[in-house]
Amino acid sequence: MNYLVTGGAGFIGSNLVDRLIDLGNNVTVIDNEYSKVHDQFYWNKKAKNYKLDIRDYQNTKNLYNGIDCVFHVAAESRIQPAINNPIESISINSVGTATVLECSKEAGVKKVIYSSTSSAYGKNPVPNHELQPDDCLNAYSVSKVNGEKLCSMYTQLFGIETIIFRYFNVYGERQPLKGEFAPVVGLFMKQFKDKQPLTIVGDGNQKRDFTHVSDVVEANILASQVKNGFGEVYNIGFGQNYSILDIANMISDDVIFIPARIGEAKETLALYKKFNNLTGWTPKISLKDWIQND
């Protein structure tokens, strides 16, 4: 099969690219190395690699020719940078997604798998399920949910088989480690390794559901094989949440507290029954086990 992965040199994307290539597929990667939280990028030499912006229609449109399925992972993927620069975030996540979908349509790509976010649920009560209304608290979630709507529209109007994933706090190998807005698991482990106190935002009682990147990769591969359920949203999470204090206590007792941030939910917790019913997918790696074995 011929696959295209946007953001394929980043955290989730590079893990997906490696897995697709290990399975014997041909893979094209588009990535512009935009993210500021990555200390490095991971280009698989067995892929066809292009350092381009997904919004660059003229220079990327021909890369979609002959592709069976697009995995659209590229994004401005952090909440606080999106709050600080909403115009750029909305451009990348909304205009970028529109460009990916339009290039896919014009090239005759059959299927597009879209990486979205549990931030769409905002202040909805947990557990979070796909029938809850959108509650976007920041420019990041607004821009990603807009991408979801574009995917559904392309399914309804043009017949592109889209699958929309809402990931719950992805962690694991190659997770971003750079800067104060890096995801919390990787940030805490780096701070511990560097013999620094763990920086807990707010009171640390906010709770998150954490999903290992290998489980996310497996969900994407299963989504590329489904025969129905298109244009719909699916949760990808572990189904258990931990407070930030809980995670800190798994790693170190040397902590400091820093001010709370605007635009963030208090609690997330995934119900993933919908995607399980579609594919049989279940998460395999728990955060606690992963931290203890790392």
C-alpha atoms as a PDB file:
ATOM      1  CA  MET A   1       0.000   0.000   0.000  1.00  0.00           C
ATOM      2  CA  ASN A   2       1.037   3.603  -0.582  1.00  0.00           C
ATOM      3  CA  TYR A   3       0.644   5.886   2.414  1.00  0.00           C
ATOM      4  CA  LEU A   4       1.282   9.577   3.047  1.00  0.00           C
ATOM      5  CA  VAL A   5       1.925  10.818   6.596  1.00  0.00           C
ATOM      6  CA  THR A   6       1.803  14.526   7.349  1.00  0.00           C
ATOM      7  CA  GLY A   7       3.924  15.433  10.347  1.00  0.00           C
ATOM      8  CA  GLY A   8       5.770  12.179   9.786  1.00  0.00           C
ATOM      9  CA  ALA A   9       9.046  13.361  11.332  1.00  0.00           C
ATOM     10  CA  GLY A  10       7.428  14.314  14.647  1.00  0.00           C
ATOM     11  CA  PHE A  11       6.442  12.337  17.721  1.00  0.00           C
ATOM     12  CA  ILE A  12       3.334  10.391  16.716  1.00  0.00           C
ATOM     13  CA  GLY A  13       3.981  10.648  12.992  1.00  0.00           C
ATOM     14  CA  SER A  14       7.465   9.137  13.049  1.00  0.00           C
ATOM     15  CA  ASN A  15       6.322   6.198  15.167  1.00  0.00           C
ATOM     16  CA  LEU A  16       3.540   5.608  12.645  1.00  0.00           C
ATOM     17  CA  VAL A  17       5.913   5.900   9.665  1.00  0.00           C
ATOM     18  CA  ASP A  18       8.302   3.338  11.161  1.00  0.00           C
ATOM     19  CA  ARG A  19       5.474   0.893  11.793  1.00  0.00           C
ATOM     20  CA  LEU A  20       4.031   1.286   8.292  1.00  0.00           C
ATOM     21  CA  ILE A  21       7.442   0.678   6.737  1.00  0.00           C
ATOM     22  CA  ASP A  22       8.057  -2.342   8.985  1.00  0.00           C
ATOM     23  CA  LEU A  23       4.796  -3.758   7.620  1.00  0.00           C
ATOM     24  CA  GLY A  24       6.166  -3.475   4.081  1.00  0.00           C
ATOM     25  CA  ASN A  25       4.355  -0.358   2.853  1.00  0.00           C
ATOM     26  CA  ASN A  26       5.559   2.560   0.751  1.00  0.00           C
ATOM     27  CA  VAL A  27       5.469   5.792   2.755  1.00  0.00           C
ATOM     28  CA  THR A  28       5.709   9.455   1.793  1.00  0.00           C
ATOM     29  CA  VAL A  29       6.324  12.011   4.550  1.00  0.00           C
ATOM     30  CA  ILE A  30       5.539  15.736   4.596  1.00  0.00           C
ATOM     31  CA  ASP A  31       6.935  17.659   7.572  1.00  0.00           C
ATOM     32  CA  ASN A  32       8.298  21.191   7.917  1.00  0.00           C
ATOM     33  CA  GLU A  33       9.931  20.685  11.357  1.00  0.00           C
ATOM     34  CA  TYR A  34       7.715  23.439  12.742  1.00  0.00           C
ATOM     35  CA  SER A  35       7.206  22.260  16.308  1.00  0.00           C
ATOM     36  CA  LYS A  36       9.170  24.132  18.955  1.00  0.00           C
ATOM     37  CA  VAL A  37       8.809  21.401  21.606  1.00  0.00           C
ATOM     38  CA  HIS A  38      10.769  18.769  19.672  1.00  0.00           C
ATOM     39  CA  ASP A  39      14.453  18.565  20.487  1.00  0.00           C
ATOM     40  CA  GLN A  40      14.904  16.563  17.279  1.00  0.00           C
ATOM     41  CA  PHE A  41      12.958  15.185  14.333  1.00  0.00           C
ATOM     42  CA  TYR A  42      12.888  11.599  13.099  1.00  0.00           C
ATOM     43  CA  TRP A  43      13.094  11.070   9.347  1.00  0.00           C
ATOM     44  CA  ASN A  44      12.951   7.435   8.256  1.00  0.00           C
ATOM     45  CA  LYS A  45      15.440   6.964   5.420  1.00  0.00           C
ATOM     46  CA  LYS A  46      13.218   4.298   3.843  1.00  0.00           C
ATOM     47  CA  ALA A  47      10.425   6.829   3.300  1.00  0.00           C
ATOM     48  CA  LYS A  48      10.144   9.487   0.598  1.00  0.00           C
ATOM     49  CA  ASN A  49      10.723  12.603   2.668  1.00  0.00           C
ATOM     50  CA  TYR A  50       9.699  16.174   1.859  1.00  0.00           C
ATOM     51  CA  LYS A  51      10.422  19.145   4.137  1.00  0.00           C
ATOM     52  CA  LEU A  52       7.354  21.169   3.197  1.00  0.00           C
ATOM     53  CA  ASP A  53       4.429  22.951   4.848  1.00  0.00           C
ATOM     54  CA  ILE A  54       1.086  21.134   4.541  1.00  0.00           C
ATOM     55  CA  ARG A  55      -0.492  24.497   3.609  1.00  0.00           C
ATOM     56  CA  ASP A  56       1.747  24.755   0.533  1.00  0.00           C
ATOM     57  CA  TYR A  57      -0.786  23.551  -2.020  1.00  0.00           C
ATOM     58  CA  GLN A  58       1.341  24.131  -5.110  1.00  0.00           C
ATOM     59  CA  ASN A  59       4.386  22.207  -3.874  1.00  0.00           C
ATOM     60  CA  THR A  60       2.577  19.365  -2.085  1.00  0.00           C
ATOM     61  CA  LYS A  61      -0.429  18.539  -4.277  1.00  0.00           C
ATOM     62  CA  ASN A  62       1.478  16.153  -6.573  1.00  0.00           C
ATOM     63  CA  LEU A  63       2.749  14.147  -3.580  1.00  0.00           C
ATOM     64  CA  TYR A  64      -0.799  12.836  -3.067  1.00  0.00           C
ATOM     65  CA  ASN A  65      -0.899  11.145  -6.488  1.00  0.00           C
ATOM     66  CA  GLY A  66      -1.077   7.359  -6.199  1.00  0.00           C
ATOM     67  CA  ILE A  67      -1.635   7.440  -2.416  1.00  0.00           C
ATOM     68  CA  ASP A  68      -4.124   4.941  -0.973  1.00  0.00           C
ATOM     69  CA  CYS A  69      -4.501   6.565   2.458  1.00  0.00           C
ATOM     70  CA  VAL A  70      -3.356   9.782   4.129  1.00  0.00           C
ATOM     71  CA  PHE A  71      -2.603   9.917   7.843  1.00  0.00           C
ATOM     72  CA  HIS A  72      -2.934  13.596   8.725  1.00  0.00           C
ATOM     73  CA  VAL A  73      -0.914  14.025  11.916  1.00  0.00           C
ATOM     74  CA  ALA A  74       0.749  17.421  11.302  1.00  0.00           C
ATOM     75  CA  ALA A  75      -0.486  20.208  13.588  1.00  0.00           C
ATOM     76  CA  GLU A  76       0.240  22.985  16.000  1.00  0.00           C
ATOM     77  CA  SER A  77      -0.345  20.543  18.822  1.00  0.00           C
ATOM     78  CA  ARG A  78       0.111  22.544  22.036  1.00  0.00           C
ATOM     79  CA  ILE A  79      -2.571  24.574  23.803  1.00  0.00           C
ATOM     80  CA  GLN A  80      -0.536  27.457  25.227  1.00  0.00           C
ATOM     81  CA  PRO A  81       1.392  28.309  22.024  1.00  0.00           C
ATOM     82  CA  ALA A  82      -1.980  28.326  20.247  1.00  0.00           C
ATOM     83  CA  ILE A  83      -3.337  30.776  22.812  1.00  0.00           C
ATOM     84  CA  ASN A  84      -0.234  32.938  22.337  1.00  0.00           C
ATOM     85  CA  ASN A  85      -0.508  32.855  18.536  1.00  0.00           C
ATOM     86  CA  PRO A  86      -4.068  31.903  17.554  1.00  0.00           C
ATOM     87  CA  ILE A  87      -3.771  33.111  13.952  1.00  0.00           C
ATOM     88  CA  GLU A  88      -0.897  30.741  13.213  1.00  0.00           C
ATOM     89  CA  SER A  89      -2.527  27.843  15.071  1.00  0.00           C
ATOM     90  CA  ILE A  90      -5.790  28.218  13.173  1.00  0.00           C
ATOM     91  CA  SER A  91      -3.898  28.532   9.911  1.00  0.00           C
ATOM     92  CA  ILE A  92      -1.935  25.313  10.473  1.00  0.00           C
ATOM     93  CA  ASN A  93      -4.748  23.240  11.920  1.00  0.00           C
ATOM     94  CA  SER A  94      -7.716  24.505   9.889  1.00  0.00           C
ATOM     95  CA  VAL A  95      -6.292  25.809   6.615  1.00  0.00           C
ATOM     96  CA  GLY A  96      -3.684  23.034   6.713  1.00  0.00           C
ATOM     97  CA  THR A  97      -6.352  20.369   7.098  1.00  0.00           C
ATOM     98  CA  ALA A  98      -8.439  21.901   4.322  1.00  0.00           C
ATOM     99  CA  THR A  99      -5.374  21.778   2.062  1.00  0.00           C
ATOM    100  CA  VAL A 100      -4.665  18.129   2.925  1.00  0.00           C
ATOM    101  CA  LEU A 101      -8.279  17.191   2.209  1.00  0.00           C
ATOM    102  CA  GLU A 102      -8.441  19.125  -1.051  1.00  0.00           C
ATOM    103  CA  CYS A 103      -5.156  17.647  -2.289  1.00  0.00           C
ATOM    104  CA  SER A 104      -6.465  14.202  -1.358  1.00  0.00           C
ATOM    105  CA  LYS A 105      -9.726  14.793  -3.231  1.00  0.00           C
ATOM    106  CA  GLU A 106      -8.004  16.057  -6.362  1.00  0.00           C
ATOM    107  CA  ALA A 107      -5.553  13.125  -6.366  1.00  0.00           C
ATOM    108  CA  GLY A 108      -8.296  10.536  -5.858  1.00  0.00           C
ATOM    109  CA  VAL A 109      -7.090   9.427  -2.413  1.00  0.00           C
ATOM    110  CA  LYS A 110      -9.686   7.092  -0.957  1.00  0.00           C
ATOM    111  CA  LYS A 111      -9.126   7.510   2.782  1.00  0.00           C
ATOM    112  CA  VAL A 112      -7.895  10.184   5.225  1.00  0.00           C
ATOM    113  CA  ILE A 113      -7.250   9.498   8.932  1.00  0.00           C
ATOM    114  CA  TYR A 114      -7.265  12.710  10.968  1.00  0.00           C
ATOM    115  CA  SER A 115      -5.522  13.211  14.322  1.00  0.00           C
ATOM    116  CA  SER A 116      -7.635  15.453  16.556  1.00  0.00           C
ATOM    117  CA  THR A 117      -7.755  16.041  20.289  1.00  0.00           C
ATOM    118  CA  SER A 118      -9.617  15.310  23.506  1.00  0.00           C
ATOM    119  CA  SER A 119      -9.382  19.071  24.153  1.00  0.00           C
ATOM    120  CA  ALA A 120     -12.596  19.245  22.131  1.00  0.00           C
ATOM    121  CA  TYR A 121     -14.487  18.086  25.241  1.00  0.00           C
ATOM    122  CA  GLY A 122     -13.470  21.050  27.400  1.00  0.00           C
ATOM    123  CA  LYS A 123     -15.503  21.138  30.594  1.00  0.00           C
ATOM    124  CA  ASN A 124     -17.828  18.274  29.695  1.00  0.00           C
ATOM    125  CA  PRO A 125     -18.280  15.793  32.575  1.00  0.00           C
ATOM    126  CA  VAL A 126     -16.212  12.614  32.482  1.00  0.00           C
ATOM    127  CA  PRO A 127     -16.088  10.032  31.152  1.00  0.00           C
ATOM    128  CA  ASN A 128     -15.892  11.714  27.760  1.00  0.00           C
ATOM    129  CA  HIS A 129     -17.858  10.154  24.924  1.00  0.00           C
ATOM    130  CA  GLU A 130     -18.380  11.114  21.312  1.00  0.00           C
ATOM    131  CA  LEU A 131     -21.994  12.281  21.771  1.00  0.00           C
ATOM    132  CA  GLN A 132     -20.957  15.085  24.127  1.00  0.00           C
ATOM    133  CA  PRO A 133     -21.149  18.598  22.648  1.00  0.00           C
ATOM    134  CA  ASP A 134     -17.957  20.370  21.640  1.00  0.00           C
ATOM    135  CA  ASP A 135     -16.659  22.698  24.351  1.00  0.00           C
ATOM    136  CA  CYS A 136     -13.557  24.380  22.962  1.00  0.00           C
ATOM    137  CA  LEU A 137     -11.682  26.396  25.592  1.00  0.00           C
ATOM    138  CA  ASN A 138      -8.820  27.677  23.420  1.00  0.00           C
ATOM    139  CA  ALA A 139      -7.683  28.364  19.855  1.00  0.00           C
ATOM    140  CA  TYR A 140      -6.029  24.950  19.627  1.00  0.00           C
ATOM    141  CA  SER A 141      -9.216  22.976  20.226  1.00  0.00           C
ATOM    142  CA  VAL A 142     -11.254  25.348  18.044  1.00  0.00           C
ATOM    143  CA  SER A 143      -8.838  24.838  15.149  1.00  0.00           C
ATOM    144  CA  LYS A 144      -8.700  21.053  15.569  1.00  0.00           C
ATOM    145  CA  VAL A 145     -12.478  20.685  15.828  1.00  0.00           C
ATOM    146  CA  ASN A 146     -12.806  22.803  12.706  1.00  0.00           C
ATOM    147  CA  GLY A 147     -10.564  20.221  11.035  1.00  0.00           C
ATOM    148  CA  GLU A 148     -12.956  17.512  12.223  1.00  0.00           C
ATOM    149  CA  LYS A 149     -15.879  19.312  10.606  1.00  0.00           C
ATOM    150  CA  LEU A 150     -13.923  19.636   7.370  1.00  0.00           C
ATOM    151  CA  CYS A 151     -13.238  15.886   7.372  1.00  0.00           C
ATOM    152  CA  SER A 152     -16.927  15.094   7.880  1.00  0.00           C
ATOM    153  CA  MET A 153     -17.843  17.529   5.119  1.00  0.00           C
ATOM    154  CA  TYR A 154     -15.411  15.897   2.665  1.00  0.00           C
ATOM    155  CA  THR A 155     -16.963  12.534   3.483  1.00  0.00           C
ATOM    156  CA  GLN A 156     -20.506  13.822   2.942  1.00  0.00           C
ATOM    157  CA  LEU A 157     -19.851  15.893  -0.179  1.00  0.00           C
ATOM    158  CA  PHE A 158     -17.068  14.030  -1.942  1.00  0.00           C
ATOM    159  CA  GLY A 159     -17.076  10.489  -0.553  1.00  0.00           C
ATOM    160  CA  ILE A 160     -13.587  10.580   0.967  1.00  0.00           C
ATOM    161  CA  GLU A 161     -13.506   7.971   3.725  1.00  0.00           C
ATOM    162  CA  THR A 162     -12.395   9.984   6.757  1.00  0.00           C
ATOM    163  CA  ILE A 163     -11.846   8.707  10.280  1.00  0.00           C
ATOM    164  CA  ILE A 164     -11.489  11.327  13.024  1.00  0.00           C
ATOM    165  CA  PHE A 165      -9.505  10.471  16.149  1.00  0.00           C
ATOM    166  CA  ARG A 166      -9.590  12.374  19.414  1.00  0.00           C
ATOM    167  CA  TYR A 167      -6.375  11.432  21.201  1.00  0.00           C
ATOM    168  CA  PHE A 168      -6.102  11.650  24.974  1.00  0.00           C
ATOM    169  CA  ASN A 169      -2.648  12.909  26.074  1.00  0.00           C
ATOM    170  CA  VAL A 170      -0.257  10.810  24.039  1.00  0.00           C
ATOM    171  CA  TYR A 171       3.125   9.890  25.580  1.00  0.00           C
ATOM    172  CA  GLY A 172       5.949   7.437  24.910  1.00  0.00           C
ATOM    173  CA  GLU A 173       9.098   7.024  22.857  1.00  0.00           C
ATOM    174  CA  ARG A 174      10.164  10.232  21.027  1.00  0.00           C
ATOM    175  CA  GLN A 175       7.761  12.384  23.039  1.00  0.00           C
ATOM    176  CA  PRO A 176       8.609  16.101  22.939  1.00  0.00           C
ATOM    177  CA  LEU A 177      10.924  17.251  25.725  1.00  0.00           C
ATOM    178  CA  LYS A 178      11.805  20.842  24.886  1.00  0.00           C
ATOM    179  CA  GLY A 179      10.515  23.931  26.672  1.00  0.00           C
ATOM    180  CA  GLU A 180       7.911  24.620  29.342  1.00  0.00           C
ATOM    181  CA  PHE A 181       4.988  23.557  27.112  1.00  0.00           C
ATOM    182  CA  ALA A 182       6.266  20.047  26.400  1.00  0.00           C
ATOM    183  CA  PRO A 183       3.784  17.297  27.372  1.00  0.00           C
ATOM    184  CA  VAL A 184       3.865  16.599  31.074  1.00  0.00           C
ATOM    185  CA  VAL A 185       5.099  12.972  31.125  1.00  0.00           C
ATOM    186  CA  GLY A 186       8.162  13.653  29.007  1.00  0.00           C
ATOM    187  CA  LEU A 187       8.807  16.956  30.760  1.00  0.00           C
ATOM    188  CA  PHE A 188       8.712  15.376  34.229  1.00  0.00           C
ATOM    189  CA  MET A 189      11.032  12.544  33.194  1.00  0.00           C
ATOM    190  CA  LYS A 190      13.505  14.972  31.636  1.00  0.00           C
ATOM    191  CA  GLN A 191      13.444  17.176  34.731  1.00  0.00           C
ATOM    192  CA  PHE A 192      14.080  14.129  36.928  1.00  0.00           C
ATOM    193  CA  LYS A 193      16.941  12.985  34.694  1.00  0.00           C
ATOM    194  CA  ASP A 194      18.452  16.481  34.812  1.00  0.00           C
ATOM    195  CA  LYS A 195      18.118  16.516  38.630  1.00  0.00           C
ATOM    196  CA  GLN A 196      15.636  19.390  38.513  1.00  0.00           C
ATOM    197  CA  PRO A 197      12.375  19.750  40.472  1.00  0.00           C
ATOM    198  CA  LEU A 198       9.229  18.713  38.626  1.00  0.00           C
ATOM    199  CA  THR A 199       7.158  21.776  37.695  1.00  0.00           C
ATOM    200  CA  ILE A 200       3.500  21.236  38.578  1.00  0.00           C
ATOM    201  CA  VAL A 201       1.059  23.637  36.930  1.00  0.00           C
ATOM    202  CA  GLY A 202      -1.583  25.020  39.302  1.00  0.00           C
ATOM    203  CA  ASP A 203      -2.532  22.788  42.207  1.00  0.00           C
ATOM    204  CA  GLY A 204      -1.740  19.573  40.322  1.00  0.00           C
ATOM    205  CA  ASN A 205      -5.205  18.131  40.866  1.00  0.00           C
ATOM    206  CA  GLN A 206      -6.165  18.348  37.202  1.00  0.00           C
ATOM    207  CA  LYS A 207      -6.593  14.835  35.805  1.00  0.00           C
ATOM    208  CA  ARG A 208      -5.767  13.421  32.394  1.00  0.00           C
ATOM    209  CA  ASP A 209      -6.161  10.149  30.533  1.00  0.00           C
ATOM    210  CA  PHE A 210      -2.782   9.143  29.049  1.00  0.00           C
ATOM    211  CA  THR A 211      -2.389   7.041  25.906  1.00  0.00           C
ATOM    212  CA  HIS A 212       0.818   5.330  24.786  1.00  0.00           C
ATOM    213  CA  VAL A 213       1.991   6.195  21.283  1.00  0.00           C
ATOM    214  CA  SER A 214       2.118   2.534  20.215  1.00  0.00           C
ATOM    215  CA  ASP A 215      -1.604   2.210  20.971  1.00  0.00           C
ATOM    216  CA  VAL A 216      -2.255   5.337  18.893  1.00  0.00           C
ATOM    217  CA  VAL A 217      -0.229   3.887  16.007  1.00  0.00           C
ATOM    218  CA  GLU A 218      -2.199   0.647  16.161  1.00  0.00           C
ATOM    219  CA  ALA A 219      -5.481   2.585  16.086  1.00  0.00           C
ATOM    220  CA  ASN A 220      -4.364   4.409  12.945  1.00  0.00           C
ATOM    221  CA  ILE A 221      -3.427   1.200  11.170  1.00  0.00           C
ATOM    222  CA  LEU A 222      -6.764  -0.386  12.056  1.00  0.00           C
ATOM    223  CA  ALA A 223      -8.576   2.734  10.851  1.00  0.00           C
ATOM    224  CA  SER A 224      -6.898   2.419   7.450  1.00  0.00           C
ATOM    225  CA  GLN A 225      -8.532  -1.010   7.080  1.00  0.00           C
ATOM    226  CA  VAL A 226     -12.133  -0.279   8.092  1.00  0.00           C
ATOM    227  CA  LYS A 227     -14.997  -0.517   5.593  1.00  0.00           C
ATOM    228  CA  ASN A 228     -17.506   1.782   7.323  1.00  0.00           C
ATOM    229  CA  GLY A 229     -17.921   4.371  10.083  1.00  0.00           C
ATOM    230  CA  PHE A 230     -16.572   7.237   7.986  1.00  0.00           C
ATOM    231  CA  GLY A 231     -16.906  10.942   8.753  1.00  0.00           C
ATOM    232  CA  GLU A 232     -17.235  10.213  12.462  1.00  0.00           C
ATOM    233  CA  VAL A 233     -15.285  10.962  15.655  1.00  0.00           C
ATOM    234  CA  TYR A 234     -13.632   8.230  17.739  1.00  0.00           C
ATOM    235  CA  ASN A 235     -11.926   8.502  21.127  1.00  0.00           C
ATOM    236  CA  ILE A 236      -8.461   7.001  21.519  1.00  0.00           C
ATOM    237  CA  GLY A 237      -7.535   6.827  25.212  1.00  0.00           C
ATOM    238  CA  PHE A 238      -6.609   4.356  27.911  1.00  0.00           C
ATOM    239  CA  GLY A 239      -9.803   4.694  29.951  1.00  0.00           C
ATOM    240  CA  GLN A 240      -8.061   5.624  33.214  1.00  0.00           C
ATOM    241  CA  ASN A 241      -6.895   9.013  34.399  1.00  0.00           C
ATOM    242  CA  TYR A 242      -4.291  10.336  36.812  1.00  0.00           C
ATOM    243  CA  SER A 243      -3.802  13.701  38.440  1.00  0.00           C
ATOM    244  CA  ILE A 244      -0.621  15.610  37.659  1.00  0.00           C
ATOM    245  CA  LEU A 245       0.342  15.104  41.311  1.00  0.00           C
ATOM    246  CA  ASP A 246      -0.126  11.336  40.858  1.00  0.00           C
ATOM    247  CA  ILE A 247       2.280  11.354  37.924  1.00  0.00           C
ATOM    248  CA  ALA A 248       4.827  13.459  39.782  1.00  0.00           C
ATOM    249  CA  ASN A 249       4.715  11.022  42.696  1.00  0.00           C
ATOM    250  CA  MET A 250       5.505   8.143  40.307  1.00  0.00           C
ATOM    251  CA  ILE A 251       8.732   9.896  39.323  1.00  0.00           C
ATOM    252  CA  SER A 252      10.071  12.167  42.088  1.00  0.00           C
ATOM    253  CA  ASP A 253       9.212  13.870  45.384  1.00  0.00           C
ATOM    254  CA  ASP A 254      11.131  17.001  44.385  1.00  0.00           C
ATOM    255  CA  VAL A 255       8.422  19.298  43.018  1.00  0.00           C
ATOM    256  CA  ILE A 256       7.618  22.979  42.683  1.00  0.00           C
ATOM    257  CA  PHE A 257       4.326  24.624  41.779  1.00  0.00           C
ATOM    258  CA  ILE A 258       3.959  27.173  38.980  1.00  0.00           C
ATOM    259  CA  PRO A 259       0.897  29.308  38.088  1.00  0.00           C
ATOM    260  CA  ALA A 260      -2.180  27.713  36.548  1.00  0.00           C
ATOM    261  CA  ARG A 261      -2.749  28.228  32.819  1.00  0.00           C
ATOM    262  CA  ILE A 262      -5.806  29.566  31.069  1.00  0.00           C
ATOM    263  CA  GLY A 263      -7.822  27.569  28.548  1.00  0.00           C
ATOM    264  CA  GLU A 264      -7.255  24.076  29.940  1.00  0.00           C
ATOM    265  CA  ALA A 265      -9.784  21.490  31.106  1.00  0.00           C
ATOM    266  CA  LYS A 266      -9.860  20.210  34.671  1.00  0.00           C
ATOM    267  CA  GLU A 267     -10.343  16.533  33.818  1.00  0.00           C
ATOM    268  CA  THR A 268     -10.403  14.147  30.864  1.00  0.00           C
ATOM    269  CA  LEU A 269     -11.246  10.460  30.716  1.00  0.00           C
ATOM    270  CA  ALA A 270     -11.889   8.471  27.566  1.00  0.00           C
ATOM    271  CA  LEU A 271     -14.647   6.098  26.694  1.00  0.00           C
ATOM    272  CA  TYR A 272     -13.286   4.257  23.633  1.00  0.00           C
ATOM    273  CA  LYS A 273     -16.124   1.784  23.156  1.00  0.00           C
ATOM    274  CA  LYS A 274     -17.125   3.267  19.799  1.00  0.00           C
ATOM    275  CA  PHE A 275     -13.791   2.520  18.113  1.00  0.00           C
ATOM    276  CA  ASN A 276     -13.559  -0.801  19.933  1.00  0.00           C
ATOM    277  CA  ASN A 277     -16.924  -1.782  18.446  1.00  0.00           C
ATOM    278  CA  LEU A 278     -15.715  -0.769  14.981  1.00  0.00           C
ATOM    279  CA  THR A 279     -12.313  -2.485  15.024  1.00  0.00           C
ATOM    280  CA  GLY A 280     -11.761  -4.408  18.259  1.00  0.00           C
ATOM    281  CA  TRP A 281      -9.026  -1.935  19.284  1.00  0.00           C
ATOM    282  CA  THR A 282      -8.093  -1.780  22.956  1.00  0.00           C
ATOM    283  CA  PRO A 283      -5.123   0.023  24.554  1.00  0.00           C
ATOM    284  CA  LYS A 284      -2.333  -2.217  25.832  1.00  0.00           C
ATOM    285  CA  ILE A 285       0.162  -0.035  27.734  1.00  0.00           C
ATOM    286  CA  SER A 286      -0.679   1.735  31.000  1.00  0.00           C
ATOM    287  CA  LEU A 287       1.118   4.894  32.049  1.00  0.00           C
ATOM    288  CA  LYS A 288       2.044   3.565  35.479  1.00  0.00           C
ATOM    289  CA  ASP A 289       3.636   0.411  34.067  1.00  0.00           C
ATOM    290  CA  TRP A 290       5.510   2.392  31.421  1.00  0.00           C
ATOM    291  CA  ILE A 291       6.985   4.850  33.924  1.00  0.00           C
ATOM    292  CA  GLN A 292       8.027   2.051  36.287  1.00  0.00           C
ATOM    293  CA  ASN A 293       9.729   0.123  33.480  1.00  0.00           C
ATOM    294  CA  ASP A 294      11.420   3.080  31.815  1.00  0.00           C
END
